[in-house]
């Protein structure tokens, strides 16, 4: 390799190292940190738990939509409308449908 080529290669290598070191340079960090904590508002729970009574093999549930009679030993079906467990996603869905009948078919 010619002497000028070695010098040019050495200069380019030094330049690359210098630029790399500059990119990793010291940030102007004064030690001040600001943490922003978002405010969270939890809505008040206004749902009511249905009152349930059991007589022999049928159960009657009274809720905001009226009275429903079903057999708890049978599967949930259009003719045996078993209510979902209180607080479950299914319960939330049914309450939303009762509150907004146009959303559910």
N, C-alpha and C. Protein backbone atom coordinates (compact mmCIF):
# COMPACT_ATOMS: atom_id res chain seq x y z
N UNK A 1 0.85 -1.16 0.00
CA UNK A 1 0.00 0.00 0.00
C UNK A 1 0.90 1.23 0.00
N UNK A 2 0.52 2.24 -0.72
CA UNK A 2 1.31 3.46 -0.82
C UNK A 2 1.19 4.26 0.47
N UNK A 3 2.19 5.06 0.79
CA UNK A 3 2.18 5.85 2.03
C UNK A 3 0.99 6.81 2.11
N UNK A 4 0.61 7.40 0.98
CA UNK A 4 -0.53 8.32 0.98
C UNK A 4 -1.83 7.57 1.25
N UNK A 5 -1.95 6.37 0.73
CA UNK A 5 -3.15 5.57 0.93
C UNK A 5 -3.28 5.17 2.39
N UNK A 6 -2.12 4.84 3.03
CA UNK A 6 -2.15 4.47 4.46
C UNK A 6 -2.58 5.67 5.30
N UNK A 7 -2.04 6.83 4.97
CA UNK A 7 -2.37 8.03 5.70
C UNK A 7 -3.85 8.36 5.54
N UNK A 8 -4.36 8.23 4.32
CA UNK A 8 -5.77 8.48 4.06
C UNK A 8 -6.64 7.48 4.81
N UNK A 9 -6.26 6.22 4.83
CA UNK A 9 -7.01 5.20 5.55
C UNK A 9 -7.00 5.47 7.05
N UNK A 10 -5.86 5.90 7.57
CA UNK A 10 -5.75 6.20 9.00
C UNK A 10 -6.60 7.41 9.36
N UNK A 11 -6.62 8.41 8.50
CA UNK A 11 -7.43 9.61 8.76
C UNK A 11 -8.91 9.26 8.73
N UNK A 12 -9.32 8.45 7.74
CA UNK A 12 -10.72 8.04 7.64
C UNK A 12 -11.13 7.20 8.85
N UNK A 13 -10.25 6.32 9.30
CA UNK A 13 -10.56 5.50 10.47
C UNK A 13 -10.70 6.38 11.72
N UNK A 14 -9.79 7.33 11.88
CA UNK A 14 -9.84 8.23 13.03
C UNK A 14 -11.11 9.09 12.98
N UNK A 15 -11.48 9.54 11.80
CA UNK A 15 -12.69 10.34 11.62
C UNK A 15 -13.93 9.51 11.99
N UNK A 16 -13.96 8.27 11.54
CA UNK A 16 -15.09 7.40 11.85
C UNK A 16 -15.21 7.17 13.35
N UNK A 17 -14.08 6.94 14.03
CA UNK A 17 -14.10 6.74 15.48
C UNK A 17 -14.53 8.01 16.21
N UNK A 18 -14.06 9.16 15.71
CA UNK A 18 -14.42 10.43 16.34
C UNK A 18 -15.91 10.70 16.20
N UNK A 19 -16.46 10.46 15.02
CA UNK A 19 -17.89 10.66 14.81
C UNK A 19 -18.71 9.68 15.64
N UNK A 20 -18.24 8.46 15.74
CA UNK A 20 -18.94 7.46 16.56
C UNK A 20 -18.94 7.85 18.02
N UNK A 21 -17.81 8.34 18.51
CA UNK A 21 -17.72 8.77 19.90
C UNK A 21 -18.58 10.00 20.14
N UNK A 22 -18.66 10.89 19.17
CA UNK A 22 -19.48 12.09 19.31
C UNK A 22 -20.95 11.72 19.38
N UNK A 23 -21.35 10.72 18.65
CA UNK A 23 -22.75 10.28 18.65
C UNK A 23 -23.12 9.71 20.01
N UNK A 24 -22.17 9.14 20.71
CA UNK A 24 -22.42 8.57 22.04
C UNK A 24 -22.05 9.57 23.12
N UNK A 25 -21.97 10.82 22.76
CA UNK A 25 -21.49 11.84 23.69
C UNK A 25 -22.37 12.02 24.90
N UNK A 26 -21.88 12.83 25.80
CA UNK A 26 -22.55 13.10 27.06
C UNK A 26 -23.74 14.02 26.82
N UNK A 27 -24.92 13.60 27.28
CA UNK A 27 -26.10 14.45 27.17
C UNK A 27 -26.05 15.51 28.26
N UNK A 28 -26.69 16.61 28.01
CA UNK A 28 -26.77 17.66 29.02
C UNK A 28 -27.85 17.27 30.01
N UNK A 29 -27.52 16.41 30.94
CA UNK A 29 -28.46 15.89 31.92
C UNK A 29 -28.17 16.55 33.26
N UNK A 30 -29.06 17.46 33.65
CA UNK A 30 -28.85 18.17 34.90
C UNK A 30 -29.36 17.38 36.09
N UNK A 31 -29.91 16.20 35.85
CA UNK A 31 -30.41 15.37 36.93
C UNK A 31 -31.87 15.64 37.25
N UNK A 32 -32.43 16.68 36.65
CA UNK A 32 -33.84 16.98 36.90
C UNK A 32 -34.70 16.03 36.08
N UNK A 33 -35.63 15.37 36.74
CA UNK A 33 -36.55 14.51 36.02
C UNK A 33 -37.96 14.90 36.40
N UNK A 34 -38.84 14.84 35.44
CA UNK A 34 -40.24 15.15 35.66
C UNK A 34 -41.05 13.93 35.28
N UNK A 35 -41.85 13.48 36.22
CA UNK A 35 -42.72 12.34 35.95
C UNK A 35 -44.15 12.82 35.97
N UNK A 36 -44.86 12.54 34.90
CA UNK A 36 -46.26 12.92 34.82
C UNK A 36 -47.10 11.70 35.09
N UNK A 37 -47.97 11.79 36.09
CA UNK A 37 -48.85 10.69 36.44
C UNK A 37 -50.25 11.05 35.94
N UNK A 38 -50.81 10.24 35.06
CA UNK A 38 -52.14 10.56 34.55
C UNK A 38 -53.20 10.39 35.64
N UNK A 39 -54.22 11.23 35.59
CA UNK A 39 -55.32 11.09 36.52
C UNK A 39 -56.29 10.06 35.98
N UNK A 40 -56.75 9.19 36.85
CA UNK A 40 -57.69 8.15 36.45
C UNK A 40 -58.96 8.33 37.25
N UNK A 41 -60.09 8.39 36.56
CA UNK A 41 -61.38 8.51 37.22
C UNK A 41 -62.14 7.22 37.00
N UNK A 42 -62.55 6.61 38.08
CA UNK A 42 -63.31 5.37 37.99
C UNK A 42 -64.77 5.71 38.19
N UNK A 43 -65.62 5.37 37.20
CA UNK A 43 -67.04 5.71 37.32
C UNK A 43 -67.69 4.93 38.46
N UNK A 44 -68.69 5.53 39.05
CA UNK A 44 -69.41 4.88 40.13
C UNK A 44 -70.26 3.74 39.56
N UNK A 45 -70.27 2.62 40.26
CA UNK A 45 -71.04 1.45 39.82
C UNK A 45 -72.49 1.66 40.21
N UNK A 46 -73.37 1.76 39.21
CA UNK A 46 -74.79 1.98 39.48
C UNK A 46 -75.63 0.78 39.11
N UNK A 47 -74.99 -0.36 38.88
CA UNK A 47 -75.74 -1.56 38.50
C UNK A 47 -76.38 -2.18 39.74
N UNK A 48 -77.46 -2.87 39.51
CA UNK A 48 -78.12 -3.58 40.60
C UNK A 48 -77.99 -5.06 40.38
N UNK A 49 -77.89 -5.80 41.46
CA UNK A 49 -77.80 -7.25 41.37
C UNK A 49 -79.23 -7.79 41.39
N UNK A 50 -79.59 -8.63 40.41
CA UNK A 50 -80.95 -9.16 40.37
C UNK A 50 -81.25 -10.01 41.60
N UNK A 51 -82.49 -9.93 42.05
CA UNK A 51 -82.94 -10.76 43.16
C UNK A 51 -83.41 -12.10 42.60
N UNK A 52 -82.90 -13.20 43.15
CA UNK A 52 -83.22 -14.53 42.63
C UNK A 52 -83.85 -15.38 43.72
N UNK A 53 -84.95 -16.06 43.36
CA UNK A 53 -85.58 -17.01 44.27
C UNK A 53 -85.70 -18.34 43.55
N UNK A 54 -85.60 -19.45 44.29
CA UNK A 54 -85.67 -20.78 43.69
C UNK A 54 -86.84 -21.54 44.29
N UNK A 55 -87.65 -22.13 43.40
CA UNK A 55 -88.76 -22.96 43.82
C UNK A 55 -88.68 -24.26 43.03
N UNK A 56 -88.47 -25.36 43.70
CA UNK A 56 -88.30 -26.68 43.09
C UNK A 56 -87.26 -26.60 41.97
N UNK A 57 -87.66 -26.84 40.72
CA UNK A 57 -86.66 -26.88 39.65
C UNK A 57 -86.67 -25.63 38.79
N UNK A 58 -87.47 -24.61 39.18
CA UNK A 58 -87.44 -23.38 38.41
C UNK A 58 -86.95 -22.25 39.29
N UNK A 59 -86.34 -21.27 38.67
CA UNK A 59 -85.82 -20.11 39.38
C UNK A 59 -86.40 -18.86 38.75
N UNK A 60 -86.80 -17.91 39.57
CA UNK A 60 -87.36 -16.66 39.08
C UNK A 60 -86.38 -15.56 39.44
N UNK A 61 -86.04 -14.77 38.44
CA UNK A 61 -85.13 -13.65 38.65
C UNK A 61 -85.86 -12.35 38.35
N UNK A 62 -85.78 -11.40 39.29
CA UNK A 62 -86.38 -10.08 39.07
C UNK A 62 -85.24 -9.10 38.88
N UNK A 63 -85.24 -8.44 37.73
CA UNK A 63 -84.23 -7.43 37.47
C UNK A 63 -84.91 -6.21 36.88
N UNK A 64 -84.13 -5.29 36.35
CA UNK A 64 -84.69 -4.06 35.79
C UNK A 64 -85.60 -4.31 34.60
N UNK A 65 -85.45 -5.43 33.94
CA UNK A 65 -86.24 -5.71 32.75
C UNK A 65 -87.51 -6.48 33.04
N UNK A 66 -87.75 -6.88 34.26
CA UNK A 66 -88.96 -7.64 34.58
C UNK A 66 -88.61 -8.93 35.29
N UNK A 67 -89.48 -9.92 35.15
CA UNK A 67 -89.31 -11.21 35.82
C UNK A 67 -89.03 -12.28 34.78
N UNK A 68 -88.03 -13.12 35.06
CA UNK A 68 -87.68 -14.22 34.16
C UNK A 68 -87.73 -15.52 34.95
N UNK A 69 -88.41 -16.53 34.40
CA UNK A 69 -88.45 -17.84 35.04
C UNK A 69 -87.65 -18.80 34.17
N UNK A 70 -86.77 -19.59 34.80
CA UNK A 70 -85.95 -20.53 34.05
C UNK A 70 -85.64 -21.73 34.92
N UNK A 71 -85.17 -22.79 34.30
CA UNK A 71 -84.78 -24.00 35.01
C UNK A 71 -83.25 -24.00 35.10
N UNK A 72 -82.69 -23.87 36.31
CA UNK A 72 -81.24 -23.78 36.43
C UNK A 72 -80.50 -25.07 36.07
N UNK A 73 -81.22 -26.18 36.00
CA UNK A 73 -80.60 -27.47 35.66
C UNK A 73 -80.51 -27.68 34.16
N UNK A 74 -81.19 -26.85 33.38
CA UNK A 74 -81.19 -26.97 31.92
C UNK A 74 -80.19 -25.98 31.31
N UNK A 75 -79.80 -26.25 30.06
CA UNK A 75 -78.90 -25.36 29.32
C UNK A 75 -79.59 -24.03 29.04
N UNK A 76 -78.79 -22.98 28.89
CA UNK A 76 -79.32 -21.68 28.50
C UNK A 76 -79.78 -21.77 27.06
N UNK A 77 -81.01 -21.34 26.78
CA UNK A 77 -81.56 -21.40 25.43
C UNK A 77 -82.63 -20.33 25.31
N UNK A 78 -83.16 -20.11 24.10
CA UNK A 78 -84.23 -19.11 23.96
C UNK A 78 -85.46 -19.44 24.81
N UNK A 79 -85.71 -20.71 25.06
CA UNK A 79 -86.87 -21.08 25.89
C UNK A 79 -86.52 -21.20 27.37
N UNK A 80 -85.24 -21.21 27.72
CA UNK A 80 -84.78 -21.28 29.11
C UNK A 80 -83.67 -20.25 29.28
N UNK A 81 -84.05 -19.00 29.46
CA UNK A 81 -83.09 -17.90 29.48
C UNK A 81 -82.45 -17.77 30.86
N UNK A 82 -81.34 -18.50 31.05
CA UNK A 82 -80.61 -18.42 32.31
C UNK A 82 -79.80 -17.13 32.33
N UNK A 83 -79.90 -16.35 33.41
CA UNK A 83 -79.11 -15.13 33.47
C UNK A 83 -77.65 -15.45 33.72
N UNK A 84 -76.74 -14.62 33.21
CA UNK A 84 -75.32 -14.84 33.44
C UNK A 84 -74.94 -14.52 34.89
N UNK A 85 -73.77 -14.96 35.28
CA UNK A 85 -73.28 -14.67 36.62
C UNK A 85 -73.12 -13.16 36.80
N UNK A 86 -73.54 -12.62 37.94
CA UNK A 86 -73.39 -11.18 38.17
C UNK A 86 -71.93 -10.76 38.06
N UNK A 87 -71.70 -9.65 37.35
CA UNK A 87 -70.36 -9.11 37.19
C UNK A 87 -69.58 -9.72 36.03
N UNK A 88 -70.14 -10.73 35.37
CA UNK A 88 -69.44 -11.37 34.25
C UNK A 88 -69.57 -10.51 32.99
N UNK A 89 -68.72 -10.75 31.97
CA UNK A 89 -68.84 -10.00 30.71
C UNK A 89 -70.22 -10.21 30.07
N UNK A 90 -70.77 -11.41 30.23
CA UNK A 90 -72.10 -11.67 29.67
C UNK A 90 -73.15 -10.82 30.36
N UNK A 91 -73.02 -10.65 31.69
CA UNK A 91 -73.94 -9.83 32.47
C UNK A 91 -73.85 -8.37 32.01
N UNK A 92 -72.63 -7.89 31.81
CA UNK A 92 -72.44 -6.51 31.33
C UNK A 92 -73.09 -6.32 29.96
N UNK A 93 -72.97 -7.33 29.10
CA UNK A 93 -73.56 -7.27 27.77
C UNK A 93 -75.08 -7.19 27.88
N UNK A 94 -75.68 -8.05 28.70
CA UNK A 94 -77.13 -8.05 28.84
C UNK A 94 -77.63 -6.73 29.44
N UNK A 95 -76.91 -6.19 30.40
CA UNK A 95 -77.31 -4.91 30.98
C UNK A 95 -77.21 -3.79 29.94
N UNK A 96 -76.18 -3.83 29.10
CA UNK A 96 -76.03 -2.83 28.06
C UNK A 96 -77.17 -2.96 27.05
N UNK A 97 -77.56 -4.18 26.73
CA UNK A 97 -78.68 -4.39 25.80
C UNK A 97 -79.99 -3.87 26.38
N UNK A 98 -80.17 -4.07 27.71
CA UNK A 98 -81.39 -3.56 28.34
C UNK A 98 -81.41 -2.03 28.34
N UNK A 99 -80.25 -1.44 28.58
CA UNK A 99 -80.16 0.03 28.62
C UNK A 99 -80.24 0.65 27.24
N UNK A 100 -79.76 -0.06 26.21
CA UNK A 100 -79.75 0.46 24.84
C UNK A 100 -80.29 -0.61 23.90
N UNK A 101 -81.61 -0.81 23.86
CA UNK A 101 -82.20 -1.89 23.06
C UNK A 101 -81.87 -1.83 21.57
N UNK A 102 -81.58 -0.64 21.04
CA UNK A 102 -81.27 -0.52 19.62
C UNK A 102 -79.94 -1.14 19.23
N UNK A 103 -79.03 -1.33 20.21
CA UNK A 103 -77.71 -1.92 19.93
C UNK A 103 -77.80 -3.42 19.68
N UNK A 104 -78.77 -4.07 20.31
CA UNK A 104 -78.87 -5.54 20.24
C UNK A 104 -80.10 -5.91 19.43
N UNK A 105 -79.94 -6.94 18.60
CA UNK A 105 -81.02 -7.34 17.70
C UNK A 105 -82.03 -8.13 18.28
